Amino acid sequence: MFYLELVTGLRKGEITALLWSDLDARNNTISVSKQSVKNPNGELNSVDVKTVSSNPSRCALSRS
């Protein structure tokens, strides 16, 4: 998880809300449309990311 934070610049809440369906291995991208947030009871919920556009963000992954 720490490596993914460093390489992509994603926040922890965005990383913990990722699903396998968000990964596009063919194009080496991750689609970010949700984030995990803690509610007052301490439970984690997935909510939409706070962006102006309704389109999910995409992060490119590089192979070294």
Protein backbone atom coordinates (compact mmCIF):
# COMPACT_ATOMS: atom_id res chain seq x y z
CA MET A 1 0.00 0.00 0.00
CA PHE A 2 2.83 2.39 0.87
CA TYR A 3 4.47 1.78 -2.51
CA LEU A 4 1.20 2.48 -4.32
CA GLU A 5 0.90 5.76 -2.39
CA LEU A 6 4.38 6.83 -3.41
CA VAL A 7 4.13 5.83 -7.05
CA THR A 8 0.62 7.12 -7.80
CA GLY A 9 0.10 9.99 -5.35
CA LEU A 10 -3.22 8.49 -4.27
CA ARG A 11 -4.50 9.09 -0.75
CA LYS A 12 -4.91 6.20 1.71
CA GLY A 13 -8.70 6.44 1.53
CA GLU A 14 -8.60 6.17 -2.25
CA ILE A 15 -6.25 3.17 -2.15
CA THR A 16 -8.32 1.28 0.42
CA ALA A 17 -11.47 1.73 -1.68
CA LEU A 18 -9.90 0.26 -4.83
CA LEU A 19 -11.43 -2.88 -6.33
CA TRP A 20 -9.89 -5.30 -8.81
CA SER A 21 -12.31 -3.92 -11.38
CA ASP A 22 -10.59 -0.51 -11.03
CA LEU A 23 -7.35 -1.95 -12.40
CA ASP A 24 -6.82 -1.95 -16.16
CA ALA A 25 -3.74 -4.13 -16.59
CA ARG A 26 -3.84 -3.88 -20.38
CA ASN A 27 -3.45 -0.07 -20.30
CA ASN A 28 -1.55 0.05 -16.97
CA THR A 29 -4.05 2.39 -15.34
CA ILE A 30 -6.08 2.53 -12.14
CA SER A 31 -9.50 4.15 -12.13
CA VAL A 32 -10.24 6.08 -8.92
CA SER A 33 -13.92 6.77 -8.27
CA LYS A 34 -14.36 5.94 -4.57
CA GLN A 35 -12.65 6.59 -1.27
CA SER A 36 -12.97 5.01 2.15
CA VAL A 37 -14.07 7.26 5.01
CA LYS A 38 -14.75 6.51 8.66
CA ASN A 39 -18.24 7.32 9.90
CA PRO A 40 -18.89 8.51 13.50
CA ASN A 41 -19.32 4.86 14.61
CA GLY A 42 -15.80 4.03 13.39
CA GLU A 43 -16.99 1.94 10.44
CA LEU A 44 -15.47 2.37 6.98
CA ASN A 45 -17.75 3.38 4.12
CA SER A 46 -17.00 3.84 0.43
CA VAL A 47 -18.10 7.20 -0.94
CA ASP A 48 -17.54 9.05 -4.21
CA VAL A 49 -14.29 11.00 -4.40
CA LYS A 50 -14.49 14.76 -4.01
CA THR A 51 -13.89 15.93 -7.57
CA VAL A 52 -15.52 18.54 -9.73
CA SER A 53 -16.07 16.18 -12.66
CA SER A 54 -18.22 13.07 -12.51
CA ASN A 55 -15.60 11.05 -14.39
CA PRO A 56 -13.25 8.87 -12.35
CA SER A 57 -9.61 9.85 -12.15
CA ARG A 58 -7.05 7.61 -13.80
CA CYS A 59 -3.51 6.98 -12.63
CA ALA A 60 -0.94 5.57 -15.00
CA LEU A 61 1.29 2.81 -13.72
CA SER A 62 4.77 2.37 -15.10
CA ARG A 63 6.75 -0.81 -15.21
CA SER A 64 10.41 -0.61 -14.42
